[in-house]
Amino acid sequence: MIGESYRSYIGPILCSIVEAGRTLTVNDRKLHLRLDFYEDSIEEVLEAMRGELIYR
């Protein structure tokens, strides 16, 4: 997660961009990053329980 000031440097190699409607604090960024990983983890558990998990 980077600030807007770095976009010109890293923009050409980004695969996706998530924009916020306001400036996020460090704690805000950490919270959202943890929530994203939590969602991915839950999806992987459900796939594993259904026997559909493909190792990435």
PDB file of N, CA and C in Angstrom:
ATOM      1  N   MET A   1       0.852  -1.162   0.000  1.00  0.00           N
ATOM      2  CA  MET A   1       0.000   0.000   0.000  1.00  0.00           C
ATOM      3  C   MET A   1       0.896   1.222   0.000  1.00  0.00           C
ATOM      4  N   ILE A   2       0.658   2.061  -0.968  1.00  0.00           N
ATOM      5  CA  ILE A   2       1.502   3.246  -1.109  1.00  0.00           C
ATOM      6  C   ILE A   2       0.638   4.489  -1.203  1.00  0.00           C
ATOM      7  N   GLY A   3       1.246   5.604  -0.965  1.00  0.00           N
ATOM      8  CA  GLY A   3       0.560   6.871  -1.105  1.00  0.00           C
ATOM      9  C   GLY A   3       0.551   7.334  -2.556  1.00  0.00           C
ATOM     10  N   GLU A   4      -0.271   8.306  -2.833  1.00  0.00           N
ATOM     11  CA  GLU A   4      -0.426   8.854  -4.182  1.00  0.00           C
ATOM     12  C   GLU A   4       0.892   9.367  -4.749  1.00  0.00           C
ATOM     13  N   SER A   5       1.768   9.859  -3.909  1.00  0.00           N
ATOM     14  CA  SER A   5       3.025  10.441  -4.391  1.00  0.00           C
ATOM     15  C   SER A   5       3.934   9.429  -5.079  1.00  0.00           C
ATOM     16  N   TYR A   6       3.703   8.123  -4.866  1.00  0.00           N
ATOM     17  CA  TYR A   6       4.544   7.094  -5.479  1.00  0.00           C
ATOM     18  C   TYR A   6       3.940   6.507  -6.748  1.00  0.00           C
ATOM     19  N   ARG A   7       2.719   6.890  -7.083  1.00  0.00           N
ATOM     20  CA  ARG A   7       2.020   6.284  -8.213  1.00  0.00           C
ATOM     21  C   ARG A   7       2.813   6.394  -9.519  1.00  0.00           C
ATOM     22  N   SER A   8       3.447   7.521  -9.778  1.00  0.00           N
ATOM     23  CA  SER A   8       4.174   7.687 -11.043  1.00  0.00           C
ATOM     24  C   SER A   8       5.365   6.730 -11.145  1.00  0.00           C
ATOM     25  N   TYR A   9       5.924   6.334 -10.013  1.00  0.00           N
ATOM     26  CA  TYR A   9       7.073   5.428 -10.022  1.00  0.00           C
ATOM     27  C   TYR A   9       6.654   3.973 -10.222  1.00  0.00           C
ATOM     28  N   ILE A  10       5.614   3.570  -9.541  1.00  0.00           N
ATOM     29  CA  ILE A  10       5.241   2.164  -9.525  1.00  0.00           C
ATOM     30  C   ILE A  10       4.025   1.862 -10.412  1.00  0.00           C
ATOM     31  N   GLY A  11       3.328   2.882 -10.858  1.00  0.00           N
ATOM     32  CA  GLY A  11       2.125   2.713 -11.672  1.00  0.00           C
ATOM     33  C   GLY A  11       2.250   1.761 -12.839  1.00  0.00           C
ATOM     34  N   PRO A  12       3.331   1.834 -13.611  1.00  0.00           N
ATOM     35  CA  PRO A  12       3.444   0.956 -14.784  1.00  0.00           C
ATOM     36  C   PRO A  12       3.474  -0.545 -14.475  1.00  0.00           C
ATOM     37  N   ILE A  13       3.800  -0.931 -13.247  1.00  0.00           N
ATOM     38  CA  ILE A  13       3.869  -2.367 -12.934  1.00  0.00           C
ATOM     39  C   ILE A  13       2.740  -2.836 -12.014  1.00  0.00           C
ATOM     40  N   LEU A  14       1.797  -1.972 -11.698  1.00  0.00           N
ATOM     41  CA  LEU A  14       0.688  -2.357 -10.826  1.00  0.00           C
ATOM     42  C   LEU A  14      -0.283  -3.269 -11.556  1.00  0.00           C
ATOM     43  N   CYS A  15      -0.830  -4.240 -10.839  1.00  0.00           N
ATOM     44  CA  CYS A  15      -1.855  -5.100 -11.433  1.00  0.00           C
ATOM     45  C   CYS A  15      -3.248  -4.629 -11.041  1.00  0.00           C
ATOM     46  N   SER A  16      -3.363  -3.868  -9.975  1.00  0.00           N
ATOM     47  CA  SER A  16      -4.655  -3.296  -9.583  1.00  0.00           C
ATOM     48  C   SER A  16      -4.421  -2.112  -8.653  1.00  0.00           C
ATOM     49  N   ILE A  17      -5.432  -1.263  -8.596  1.00  0.00           N
ATOM     50  CA  ILE A  17      -5.367  -0.082  -7.750  1.00  0.00           C
ATOM     51  C   ILE A  17      -6.660  -0.008  -6.939  1.00  0.00           C
ATOM     52  N   VAL A  18      -6.515   0.208  -5.658  1.00  0.00           N
ATOM     53  CA  VAL A  18      -7.660   0.437  -4.786  1.00  0.00           C
ATOM     54  C   VAL A  18      -7.526   1.850  -4.265  1.00  0.00           C
ATOM     55  N   GLU A  19      -8.540   2.649  -4.524  1.00  0.00           N
ATOM     56  CA  GLU A  19      -8.483   4.047  -4.088  1.00  0.00           C
ATOM     57  C   GLU A  19      -9.440   4.270  -2.934  1.00  0.00           C
ATOM     58  N   ALA A  20      -9.033   5.112  -2.017  1.00  0.00           N
ATOM     59  CA  ALA A  20      -9.861   5.463  -0.865  1.00  0.00           C
ATOM     60  C   ALA A  20     -10.422   6.868  -1.077  1.00  0.00           C
ATOM     61  N   GLY A  21     -11.558   7.119  -0.504  1.00  0.00           N
ATOM     62  CA  GLY A  21     -12.188   8.426  -0.628  1.00  0.00           C
ATOM     63  C   GLY A  21     -11.581   9.473   0.296  1.00  0.00           C
ATOM     64  N   ARG A  22     -10.663   9.046   1.122  1.00  0.00           N
ATOM     65  CA  ARG A  22     -10.003   9.966   2.053  1.00  0.00           C
ATOM     66  C   ARG A  22      -8.603   9.450   2.321  1.00  0.00           C
ATOM     67  N   THR A  23      -7.792  10.254   2.955  1.00  0.00           N
ATOM     68  CA  THR A  23      -6.454   9.841   3.334  1.00  0.00           C
ATOM     69  C   THR A  23      -6.555   8.845   4.481  1.00  0.00           C
ATOM     70  N   LEU A  24      -5.881   7.716   4.337  1.00  0.00           N
ATOM     71  CA  LEU A  24      -5.928   6.685   5.363  1.00  0.00           C
ATOM     72  C   LEU A  24      -4.721   6.803   6.284  1.00  0.00           C
ATOM     73  N   THR A  25      -4.959   6.564   7.550  1.00  0.00           N
ATOM     74  CA  THR A  25      -3.860   6.516   8.508  1.00  0.00           C
ATOM     75  C   THR A  25      -3.167   5.158   8.376  1.00  0.00           C
ATOM     76  N   VAL A  26      -2.034   5.016   9.003  1.00  0.00           N
ATOM     77  CA  VAL A  26      -1.330   3.735   8.998  1.00  0.00           C
ATOM     78  C   VAL A  26      -2.222   2.656   9.604  1.00  0.00           C
ATOM     79  N   ASN A  27      -2.909   2.966  10.686  1.00  0.00           N
ATOM     80  CA  ASN A  27      -3.791   1.979  11.318  1.00  0.00           C
ATOM     81  C   ASN A  27      -4.947   1.593  10.404  1.00  0.00           C
ATOM     82  N   ASP A  28      -5.510   2.562   9.664  1.00  0.00           N
ATOM     83  CA  ASP A  28      -6.569   2.255   8.695  1.00  0.00           C
ATOM     84  C   ASP A  28      -6.061   1.274   7.645  1.00  0.00           C
ATOM     85  N   ARG A  29      -4.871   1.529   7.131  1.00  0.00           N
ATOM     86  CA  ARG A  29      -4.291   0.664   6.091  1.00  0.00           C
ATOM     87  C   ARG A  29      -4.058  -0.741   6.621  1.00  0.00           C
ATOM     88  N   LYS A  30      -3.534  -0.855   7.833  1.00  0.00           N
ATOM     89  CA  LYS A  30      -3.295  -2.172   8.429  1.00  0.00           C
ATOM     90  C   LYS A  30      -4.600  -2.931   8.621  1.00  0.00           C
ATOM     91  N   LEU A  31      -5.633  -2.232   9.080  1.00  0.00           N
ATOM     92  CA  LEU A  31      -6.931  -2.873   9.295  1.00  0.00           C
ATOM     93  C   LEU A  31      -7.472  -3.431   7.987  1.00  0.00           C
ATOM     94  N   HIS A  32      -7.460  -2.651   6.934  1.00  0.00           N
ATOM     95  CA  HIS A  32      -8.003  -3.105   5.662  1.00  0.00           C
ATOM     96  C   HIS A  32      -7.169  -4.227   5.057  1.00  0.00           C
ATOM     97  N   LEU A  33      -5.873  -4.182   5.246  1.00  0.00           N
ATOM     98  CA  LEU A  33      -5.010  -5.252   4.764  1.00  0.00           C
ATOM     99  C   LEU A  33      -5.330  -6.552   5.495  1.00  0.00           C
ATOM    100  N   ARG A  34      -5.527  -6.482   6.810  1.00  0.00           N
ATOM    101  CA  ARG A  34      -5.877  -7.681   7.585  1.00  0.00           C
ATOM    102  C   ARG A  34      -7.224  -8.227   7.142  1.00  0.00           C
ATOM    103  N   LEU A  35      -8.199  -7.353   6.885  1.00  0.00           N
ATOM    104  CA  LEU A  35      -9.524  -7.814   6.455  1.00  0.00           C
ATOM    105  C   LEU A  35      -9.455  -8.508   5.105  1.00  0.00           C
ATOM    106  N   ASP A  36      -8.628  -8.007   4.198  1.00  0.00           N
ATOM    107  CA  ASP A  36      -8.466  -8.647   2.895  1.00  0.00           C
ATOM    108  C   ASP A  36      -7.890 -10.051   3.044  1.00  0.00           C
ATOM    109  N   PHE A  37      -6.865 -10.199   3.891  1.00  0.00           N
ATOM    110  CA  PHE A  37      -6.271 -11.512   4.111  1.00  0.00           C
ATOM    111  C   PHE A  37      -7.264 -12.448   4.793  1.00  0.00           C
ATOM    112  N   TYR A  38      -8.086 -11.913   5.690  1.00  0.00           N
ATOM    113  CA  TYR A  38      -9.085 -12.720   6.386  1.00  0.00           C
ATOM    114  C   TYR A  38     -10.074 -13.289   5.382  1.00  0.00           C
ATOM    115  N   GLU A  39     -10.551 -12.448   4.470  1.00  0.00           N
ATOM    116  CA  GLU A  39     -11.511 -12.904   3.465  1.00  0.00           C
ATOM    117  C   GLU A  39     -10.899 -14.001   2.596  1.00  0.00           C
ATOM    118  N   ASP A  40      -9.656 -13.816   2.158  1.00  0.00           N
ATOM    119  CA  ASP A  40      -8.977 -14.832   1.351  1.00  0.00           C
ATOM    120  C   ASP A  40      -8.841 -16.140   2.126  1.00  0.00           C
ATOM    121  N   SER A  41      -8.514 -16.043   3.402  1.00  0.00           N
ATOM    122  CA  SER A  41      -8.349 -17.242   4.226  1.00  0.00           C
ATOM    123  C   SER A  41      -9.658 -18.012   4.351  1.00  0.00           C
ATOM    124  N   ILE A  42     -10.744 -17.301   4.562  1.00  0.00           N
ATOM    125  CA  ILE A  42     -12.056 -17.948   4.684  1.00  0.00           C
ATOM    126  C   ILE A  42     -12.422 -18.644   3.378  1.00  0.00           C
ATOM    127  N   GLU A  43     -12.183 -17.978   2.253  1.00  0.00           N
ATOM    128  CA  GLU A  43     -12.486 -18.583   0.959  1.00  0.00           C
ATOM    129  C   GLU A  43     -11.668 -19.859   0.750  1.00  0.00           C
ATOM    130  N   GLU A  44     -10.389 -19.846   1.130  1.00  0.00           N
ATOM    131  CA  GLU A  44      -9.551 -21.034   0.981  1.00  0.00           C
ATOM    132  C   GLU A  44     -10.025 -22.174   1.880  1.00  0.00           C
ATOM    133  N   VAL A  45     -10.460 -21.870   3.088  1.00  0.00           N
ATOM    134  CA  VAL A  45     -10.977 -22.899   3.992  1.00  0.00           C
ATOM    135  C   VAL A  45     -12.224 -23.534   3.384  1.00  0.00           C
ATOM    136  N   LEU A  46     -13.125 -22.721   2.855  1.00  0.00           N
ATOM    137  CA  LEU A  46     -14.345 -23.264   2.246  1.00  0.00           C
ATOM    138  C   LEU A  46     -14.016 -24.132   1.029  1.00  0.00           C
ATOM    139  N   GLU A  47     -13.069 -23.701   0.215  1.00  0.00           N
ATOM    140  CA  GLU A  47     -12.646 -24.503  -0.942  1.00  0.00           C
ATOM    141  C   GLU A  47     -12.062 -25.835  -0.476  1.00  0.00           C
ATOM    142  N   ALA A  48     -11.245 -25.795   0.570  1.00  0.00           N
ATOM    143  CA  ALA A  48     -10.635 -27.023   1.093  1.00  0.00           C
ATOM    144  C   ALA A  48     -11.698 -27.969   1.623  1.00  0.00           C
ATOM    145  N   MET A  49     -12.689 -27.444   2.307  1.00  0.00           N
ATOM    146  CA  MET A  49     -13.753 -28.276   2.853  1.00  0.00           C
ATOM    147  C   MET A  49     -14.572 -28.917   1.746  1.00  0.00           C
ATOM    148  N   ARG A  50     -14.698 -28.247   0.619  1.00  0.00           N
ATOM    149  CA  ARG A  50     -15.445 -28.797  -0.512  1.00  0.00           C
ATOM    150  C   ARG A  50     -14.556 -29.648  -1.418  1.00  0.00           C
ATOM    151  N   GLY A  51     -13.271 -29.724  -1.103  1.00  0.00           N
ATOM    152  CA  GLY A  51     -12.333 -30.482  -1.931  1.00  0.00           C
ATOM    153  C   GLY A  51     -11.967 -29.784  -3.208  1.00  0.00           C
ATOM    154  N   GLU A  52     -12.123 -28.464  -3.241  1.00  0.00           N
ATOM    155  CA  GLU A  52     -11.865 -27.685  -4.448  1.00  0.00           C
ATOM    156  C   GLU A  52     -10.599 -26.862  -4.371  1.00  0.00           C
ATOM    157  N   LEU A  53      -9.829 -26.967  -3.295  1.00  0.00           N
ATOM    158  CA  LEU A  53      -8.667 -26.114  -3.105  1.00  0.00           C
ATOM    159  C   LEU A  53      -7.588 -26.436  -4.112  1.00  0.00           C
ATOM    160  N   ILE A  54      -7.152 -25.417  -4.818  1.00  0.00           N
ATOM    161  CA  ILE A  54      -6.036 -25.515  -5.753  1.00  0.00           C
ATOM    162  C   ILE A  54      -4.908 -24.684  -5.163  1.00  0.00           C
ATOM    163  N   TYR A  55      -3.772 -25.307  -4.914  1.00  0.00           N
ATOM    164  CA  TYR A  55      -2.662 -24.589  -4.302  1.00  0.00           C
ATOM    165  C   TYR A  55      -2.133 -23.538  -5.267  1.00  0.00           C
ATOM    166  N   ARG A  56      -1.952 -22.318  -4.745  1.00  0.00           N
ATOM    167  CA  ARG A  56      -1.508 -21.196  -5.563  1.00  0.00           C
ATOM    168  C   ARG A  56      -0.070 -20.881  -5.302  1.00  0.00           C
TER     169      ARG A  56
END
